[in-house]
């Protein structure tokens, strides 16, 4: 299975699998040409922590190319750890899902 690993602006390593990309496209096929922008959202976008599930974050970034229907890409990332081969805990942060949305500018 294909997997892309990116570093976010907070220095976290996050992986995005082909399976999760196909999951996004199953219900939102119009987003197929925006894969690079989704990766850019992980690398440089801002994030908000889920108030009920503290290890879940929504990454979001504005892209004018999505106008007029949408103006942001959003990805949900889950932060976890797993036991590595050496017996130490290592990060296991991954993309769960994503979509496009119009977010009204403030002010």
C-alpha atoms as a PDB file:
ATOM      1  CA  UNK A   1       0.000   0.000   0.000  1.00  0.00           C
ATOM      2  CA  UNK A   2       1.297   3.437  -0.955  1.00  0.00           C
ATOM      3  CA  UNK A   3       1.966   5.889   1.877  1.00  0.00           C
ATOM      4  CA  UNK A   4       3.074   9.538   1.955  1.00  0.00           C
ATOM      5  CA  UNK A   5       4.802  10.917   5.045  1.00  0.00           C
ATOM      6  CA  UNK A   6       4.927  14.656   5.652  1.00  0.00           C
ATOM      7  CA  UNK A   7       6.180  16.910   8.425  1.00  0.00           C
ATOM      8  CA  UNK A   8       3.671  19.468   9.689  1.00  0.00           C
ATOM      9  CA  UNK A   9       4.519  23.012  10.787  1.00  0.00           C
ATOM     10  CA  UNK A  10       4.578  21.774  14.399  1.00  0.00           C
ATOM     11  CA  UNK A  11       7.327  19.227  13.572  1.00  0.00           C
ATOM     12  CA  UNK A  12       5.022  16.176  13.708  1.00  0.00           C
ATOM     13  CA  UNK A  13       5.400  13.367  11.207  1.00  0.00           C
ATOM     14  CA  UNK A  14       2.021  12.398   9.672  1.00  0.00           C
ATOM     15  CA  UNK A  15       1.280   9.666   7.171  1.00  0.00           C
ATOM     16  CA  UNK A  16      -1.423   9.598   4.513  1.00  0.00           C
ATOM     17  CA  UNK A  17      -2.186   6.208   2.942  1.00  0.00           C
ATOM     18  CA  UNK A  18      -3.526   5.373  -0.494  1.00  0.00           C
ATOM     19  CA  UNK A  19      -6.449   3.658   1.273  1.00  0.00           C
ATOM     20  CA  UNK A  20      -7.418   6.894   3.072  1.00  0.00           C
ATOM     21  CA  UNK A  21      -7.050   8.885  -0.169  1.00  0.00           C
ATOM     22  CA  UNK A  22      -9.420   6.459  -1.910  1.00  0.00           C
ATOM     23  CA  UNK A  23     -11.812   6.777   1.059  1.00  0.00           C
ATOM     24  CA  UNK A  24     -11.918  10.555   0.516  1.00  0.00           C
ATOM     25  CA  UNK A  25     -12.483  10.157  -3.234  1.00  0.00           C
ATOM     26  CA  UNK A  26     -15.314   7.619  -2.812  1.00  0.00           C
ATOM     27  CA  UNK A  27     -17.639  10.331  -1.558  1.00  0.00           C
ATOM     28  CA  UNK A  28     -15.858  13.365  -3.050  1.00  0.00           C
ATOM     29  CA  UNK A  29     -14.474  12.393  -6.486  1.00  0.00           C
ATOM     30  CA  UNK A  30     -14.298  16.062  -7.512  1.00  0.00           C
ATOM     31  CA  UNK A  31     -11.284  16.451  -5.176  1.00  0.00           C
ATOM     32  CA  UNK A  32      -9.060  14.037  -7.117  1.00  0.00           C
ATOM     33  CA  UNK A  33      -6.970  16.779  -8.730  1.00  0.00           C
ATOM     34  CA  UNK A  34      -6.202  18.396  -5.345  1.00  0.00           C
ATOM     35  CA  UNK A  35      -3.980  15.711  -3.817  1.00  0.00           C
ATOM     36  CA  UNK A  36      -0.915  17.996  -3.706  1.00  0.00           C
ATOM     37  CA  UNK A  37      -2.994  20.664  -1.967  1.00  0.00           C
ATOM     38  CA  UNK A  38      -4.080  18.123   0.650  1.00  0.00           C
ATOM     39  CA  UNK A  39      -0.396  17.357   1.341  1.00  0.00           C
ATOM     40  CA  UNK A  40       0.288  21.106   1.515  1.00  0.00           C
ATOM     41  CA  UNK A  41      -2.552  21.403   4.051  1.00  0.00           C
ATOM     42  CA  UNK A  42      -0.721  18.909   6.270  1.00  0.00           C
ATOM     43  CA  UNK A  43       2.652  20.631   5.815  1.00  0.00           C
ATOM     44  CA  UNK A  44       1.687  24.268   6.300  1.00  0.00           C
ATOM     45  CA  UNK A  45      -1.970  24.463   7.326  1.00  0.00           C
ATOM     46  CA  UNK A  46      -3.297  25.464  10.705  1.00  0.00           C
ATOM     47  CA  UNK A  47      -4.988  22.988  13.013  1.00  0.00           C
ATOM     48  CA  UNK A  48      -7.679  22.846  15.685  1.00  0.00           C
ATOM     49  CA  UNK A  49      -7.867  20.241  18.420  1.00  0.00           C
ATOM     50  CA  UNK A  50     -11.112  18.307  18.795  1.00  0.00           C
ATOM     51  CA  UNK A  51     -12.707  19.351  22.112  1.00  0.00           C
ATOM     52  CA  UNK A  52     -13.972  15.830  22.884  1.00  0.00           C
ATOM     53  CA  UNK A  53     -11.167  13.689  21.460  1.00  0.00           C
ATOM     54  CA  UNK A  54      -7.894  15.429  22.375  1.00  0.00           C
ATOM     55  CA  UNK A  55      -5.684  13.332  20.084  1.00  0.00           C
ATOM     56  CA  UNK A  56      -7.736  14.299  17.002  1.00  0.00           C
ATOM     57  CA  UNK A  57      -7.032  17.484  15.025  1.00  0.00           C
ATOM     58  CA  UNK A  58      -8.543  19.187  11.990  1.00  0.00           C
ATOM     59  CA  UNK A  59      -5.931  20.637   9.668  1.00  0.00           C
ATOM     60  CA  UNK A  60      -7.193  23.323   7.314  1.00  0.00           C
ATOM     61  CA  UNK A  61      -5.788  25.613   4.648  1.00  0.00           C
ATOM     62  CA  UNK A  62      -7.295  28.102   2.219  1.00  0.00           C
ATOM     63  CA  UNK A  63      -6.955  27.529  -1.534  1.00  0.00           C
ATOM     64  CA  UNK A  64      -8.564  30.025  -3.917  1.00  0.00           C
ATOM     65  CA  UNK A  65      -8.440  27.412  -6.698  1.00  0.00           C
ATOM     66  CA  UNK A  66     -11.409  25.722  -4.960  1.00  0.00           C
ATOM     67  CA  UNK A  67     -13.689  28.758  -5.460  1.00  0.00           C
ATOM     68  CA  UNK A  68     -16.568  29.440  -5.858  1.00  0.00           C
ATOM     69  CA  UNK A  69     -18.031  26.361  -4.114  1.00  0.00           C
ATOM     70  CA  UNK A  70     -15.258  25.911  -1.523  1.00  0.00           C
ATOM     71  CA  UNK A  71     -12.212  27.764  -0.275  1.00  0.00           C
ATOM     72  CA  UNK A  72     -10.553  25.410   2.241  1.00  0.00           C
ATOM     73  CA  UNK A  73      -9.306  21.844   2.373  1.00  0.00           C
ATOM     74  CA  UNK A  74      -9.712  20.042   5.690  1.00  0.00           C
ATOM     75  CA  UNK A  75      -8.016  16.865   6.908  1.00  0.00           C
ATOM     76  CA  UNK A  76      -8.687  14.989  10.143  1.00  0.00           C
ATOM     77  CA  UNK A  77      -5.496  13.641  11.720  1.00  0.00           C
ATOM     78  CA  UNK A  78      -5.320  11.222  14.652  1.00  0.00           C
ATOM     79  CA  UNK A  79      -2.228  11.334  16.872  1.00  0.00           C
ATOM     80  CA  UNK A  80      -1.204   8.053  18.479  1.00  0.00           C
ATOM     81  CA  UNK A  81       1.906   6.156  19.495  1.00  0.00           C
ATOM     82  CA  UNK A  82       2.865   2.561  18.921  1.00  0.00           C
ATOM     83  CA  UNK A  83       5.559   0.264  20.221  1.00  0.00           C
ATOM     84  CA  UNK A  84       8.559   0.292  17.906  1.00  0.00           C
ATOM     85  CA  UNK A  85      10.865  -2.611  17.079  1.00  0.00           C
ATOM     86  CA  UNK A  86      13.257  -1.464  19.798  1.00  0.00           C
ATOM     87  CA  UNK A  87      10.535  -1.513  22.473  1.00  0.00           C
ATOM     88  CA  UNK A  88      10.256   2.290  22.580  1.00  0.00           C
ATOM     89  CA  UNK A  89       7.073   4.197  21.811  1.00  0.00           C
ATOM     90  CA  UNK A  90       7.117   6.005  18.468  1.00  0.00           C
ATOM     91  CA  UNK A  91       4.619   8.400  16.846  1.00  0.00           C
ATOM     92  CA  UNK A  92       1.844   6.881  14.720  1.00  0.00           C
ATOM     93  CA  UNK A  93       0.023   9.964  13.385  1.00  0.00           C
ATOM     94  CA  UNK A  94      -2.253   9.417  10.404  1.00  0.00           C
ATOM     95  CA  UNK A  95      -4.901  11.004   8.190  1.00  0.00           C
ATOM     96  CA  UNK A  96      -8.404   9.704   8.861  1.00  0.00           C
ATOM     97  CA  UNK A  97     -10.436  11.633   6.263  1.00  0.00           C
ATOM     98  CA  UNK A  98     -10.713  14.934   4.433  1.00  0.00           C
ATOM     99  CA  UNK A  99     -13.036  17.230   2.475  1.00  0.00           C
ATOM    100  CA  UNK A 100     -13.426  20.699   0.983  1.00  0.00           C
ATOM    101  CA  UNK A 101     -15.561  23.408   2.575  1.00  0.00           C
ATOM    102  CA  UNK A 102     -16.411  27.065   2.203  1.00  0.00           C
ATOM    103  CA  UNK A 103     -15.385  28.940   5.362  1.00  0.00           C
ATOM    104  CA  UNK A 104     -16.628  32.511   5.573  1.00  0.00           C
ATOM    105  CA  UNK A 105     -13.740  34.951   6.113  1.00  0.00           C
ATOM    106  CA  UNK A 106     -13.859  36.773   9.447  1.00  0.00           C
ATOM    107  CA  UNK A 107     -14.407  40.519   9.454  1.00  0.00           C
END
